[in-house]
Amino acid sequence: MRILVINGPNLNMLGRRDKKHYGSDTLEAIEQKLNEKSRALGCQLTFFQSNHEGAIIDFIQEKADGADGILINPGALTHYSYSLRDALADSGLPVIEVHLSDINTREEWRRISVISDLAIRQVSGLKTESYLVGLEALAGHIGRHKKK
């Protein structure tokens, strides 16, 4: 199983951002934990982070054909990026949307996700564990639905 792990704007600043909402792990620490989990699940992960919407869309378009699924924390793009949503939909891949904080209990504008209706699942509010739960759910989904 080949999974794209995509992180949007400001997630490169994890470990320095508001620890109450985002936890204390850096993005590198999260990637290390995901790599450990992926070995047990039989997954190969490709990581990408950008603060630029177009770069994320380009990455999806370039890598989707060689992937089986997408685990994404779109960051603030969650709330308004229809172009990201379209790129995810066009990929034809199963998508799990993850968030470190519980976006449903935060500011009103953070509660909106233009991604959630195309994602097979949204995992939020578990800090780093959101990624691990999301990866496990995505691997399970791919395993059940992969063409033989």
Protein backbone atom coordinates (compact mmCIF):
# COMPACT_ATOMS: atom_id res chain seq x y z
CA MET A 1 0.00 0.00 0.00
CA ARG A 2 1.32 3.38 -0.99
CA ILE A 3 -0.07 6.31 0.95
CA LEU A 4 0.52 10.02 0.45
CA VAL A 5 0.71 11.94 3.73
CA ILE A 6 0.07 15.61 3.03
CA ASN A 7 0.31 18.53 5.45
CA GLY A 8 -0.86 22.02 4.64
CA PRO A 9 0.07 25.53 5.74
CA ASN A 10 1.80 26.16 9.06
CA LEU A 11 2.12 22.50 9.98
CA ASN A 12 5.88 22.85 9.51
CA MET A 13 5.68 24.96 12.70
CA LEU A 14 4.35 22.18 14.92
CA GLY A 15 6.14 21.99 18.24
CA ARG A 16 6.18 25.79 18.37
CA ARG A 17 2.49 26.45 17.73
CA ASP A 18 -0.24 26.56 20.37
CA LYS A 19 0.47 23.33 22.26
CA LYS A 20 -2.99 23.33 23.84
CA HIS A 21 -4.57 22.79 20.44
CA TYR A 22 -1.81 21.10 18.47
CA GLY A 23 0.28 19.21 21.03
CA SER A 24 4.04 19.39 21.43
CA ASP A 25 5.16 17.01 18.66
CA THR A 26 6.98 18.45 15.68
CA LEU A 27 5.99 17.43 12.17
CA GLU A 28 9.18 15.33 12.03
CA ALA A 29 8.15 13.51 15.21
CA ILE A 30 4.69 12.82 13.77
CA GLU A 31 6.27 11.51 10.55
CA GLN A 32 8.54 9.22 12.57
CA LYS A 33 5.55 7.80 14.48
CA LEU A 34 3.68 7.33 11.22
CA ASN A 35 6.65 5.49 9.71
CA GLU A 36 6.74 3.15 12.72
CA LYS A 37 3.00 2.48 12.41
CA SER A 38 3.25 2.03 8.64
CA ARG A 39 5.72 -0.82 8.99
CA ALA A 40 3.23 -2.76 11.11
CA LEU A 41 0.47 -2.03 8.58
CA GLY A 42 2.53 -2.84 5.49
CA CYS A 43 2.35 0.69 4.09
CA GLN A 44 4.86 2.82 2.25
CA LEU A 45 4.44 6.52 3.05
CA THR A 46 5.41 9.54 0.99
CA PHE A 47 5.40 12.78 3.00
CA PHE A 48 4.78 16.27 1.71
CA GLN A 49 4.21 19.60 3.43
CA SER A 50 3.75 23.00 1.89
CA ASN A 51 2.51 26.41 2.88
CA HIS A 52 1.38 26.90 -0.73
CA GLU A 53 -1.96 25.65 -1.99
CA GLY A 54 -0.78 25.22 -5.57
CA ALA A 55 2.24 23.15 -4.52
CA ILE A 56 -0.05 20.76 -2.65
CA ILE A 57 -2.36 20.46 -5.64
CA ASP A 58 0.64 19.85 -7.95
CA PHE A 59 1.89 17.13 -5.58
CA ILE A 60 -1.49 15.36 -5.59
CA GLN A 61 -1.71 15.54 -9.38
CA GLU A 62 1.86 14.26 -9.82
CA LYS A 63 1.71 11.43 -7.28
CA ALA A 64 -1.89 10.17 -7.29
CA ASP A 65 -1.41 7.59 -10.05
CA GLY A 66 1.25 5.79 -7.98
CA ALA A 67 -0.68 5.86 -4.71
CA ASP A 68 -3.47 3.89 -3.05
CA GLY A 69 -4.74 6.57 -0.66
CA ILE A 70 -4.24 10.02 0.86
CA LEU A 71 -3.94 11.00 4.52
CA ILE A 72 -4.22 14.77 4.69
CA ASN A 73 -4.18 17.54 7.25
CA PRO A 74 -5.08 20.48 5.03
CA GLY A 75 -4.54 23.03 7.81
CA ALA A 76 -6.39 26.27 7.10
CA LEU A 77 -7.08 25.08 3.53
CA THR A 78 -9.71 22.84 5.13
CA HIS A 79 -12.09 25.75 5.43
CA TYR A 80 -12.07 27.29 1.97
CA SER A 81 -9.92 25.52 -0.62
CA TYR A 82 -12.26 24.24 -3.30
CA SER A 83 -9.29 23.77 -5.61
CA LEU A 84 -7.69 21.38 -3.08
CA ARG A 85 -11.02 19.61 -2.68
CA ASP A 86 -11.26 19.21 -6.47
CA ALA A 87 -7.71 17.83 -6.68
CA LEU A 88 -8.49 15.28 -3.97
CA ALA A 89 -11.74 14.29 -5.70
CA ASP A 90 -10.03 14.09 -9.11
CA SER A 91 -7.36 11.78 -7.69
CA GLY A 92 -9.97 9.04 -7.30
CA LEU A 93 -8.19 7.91 -4.15
CA PRO A 94 -9.68 7.28 -0.73
CA VAL A 95 -8.96 10.25 1.54
CA ILE A 96 -8.79 10.50 5.31
CA GLU A 97 -8.86 14.06 6.70
CA VAL A 98 -7.01 14.57 9.98
CA HIS A 99 -6.69 17.47 12.40
CA LEU A 100 -4.67 17.74 15.57
CA SER A 101 -7.28 19.90 17.29
CA ASP A 102 -11.02 19.32 17.42
CA ILE A 103 -12.13 21.70 14.68
CA ASN A 104 -15.78 21.16 15.64
CA THR A 105 -15.32 22.81 19.04
CA ARG A 106 -13.17 25.74 17.95
CA GLU A 107 -14.03 29.05 16.29
CA GLU A 108 -17.09 29.01 14.04
CA TRP A 109 -15.04 29.39 10.84
CA ARG A 110 -12.84 26.41 11.79
CA ARG A 111 -15.88 24.13 11.94
CA ILE A 112 -16.33 24.31 8.18
CA SER A 113 -14.57 21.66 6.12
CA VAL A 114 -14.91 21.64 2.36
CA ILE A 115 -13.01 18.33 2.39
CA SER A 116 -15.10 16.26 4.82
CA ASP A 117 -17.86 15.23 2.43
CA LEU A 118 -15.41 13.50 0.10
CA ALA A 119 -13.26 11.98 2.85
CA ILE A 120 -14.09 8.48 3.97
CA ARG A 121 -13.43 9.66 7.50
CA GLN A 122 -12.40 12.75 9.46
CA VAL A 123 -10.28 12.25 12.60
CA SER A 124 -9.78 15.30 14.80
CA GLY A 125 -8.99 16.36 18.33
CA LEU A 126 -6.51 13.61 19.18
CA LYS A 127 -3.34 15.61 18.47
CA THR A 128 -0.66 13.25 17.03
CA GLU A 129 -2.94 10.26 17.58
CA SER A 130 -5.28 11.71 14.91
CA TYR A 131 -2.68 10.81 12.29
CA LEU A 132 -2.12 7.31 13.65
CA VAL A 133 -5.85 6.56 13.87
CA GLY A 134 -6.29 8.01 10.39
CA LEU A 135 -3.48 5.90 8.93
CA GLU A 136 -4.88 2.74 10.46
CA ALA A 137 -8.37 3.52 9.11
CA LEU A 138 -7.01 4.29 5.64
CA ALA A 139 -4.87 1.14 5.51
CA GLY A 140 -7.87 -0.92 6.60
CA HIS A 141 -10.07 0.68 3.95
CA ILE A 142 -7.50 0.13 1.20
CA GLY A 143 -6.96 -3.46 2.31
CA ARG A 144 -10.69 -4.18 2.12
CA HIS A 145 -11.21 -2.46 -1.23
CA LYS A 146 -7.98 -3.02 -3.15
CA LYS A 147 -8.50 -4.67 -6.50
CA LYS A 148 -7.03 -8.14 -6.65
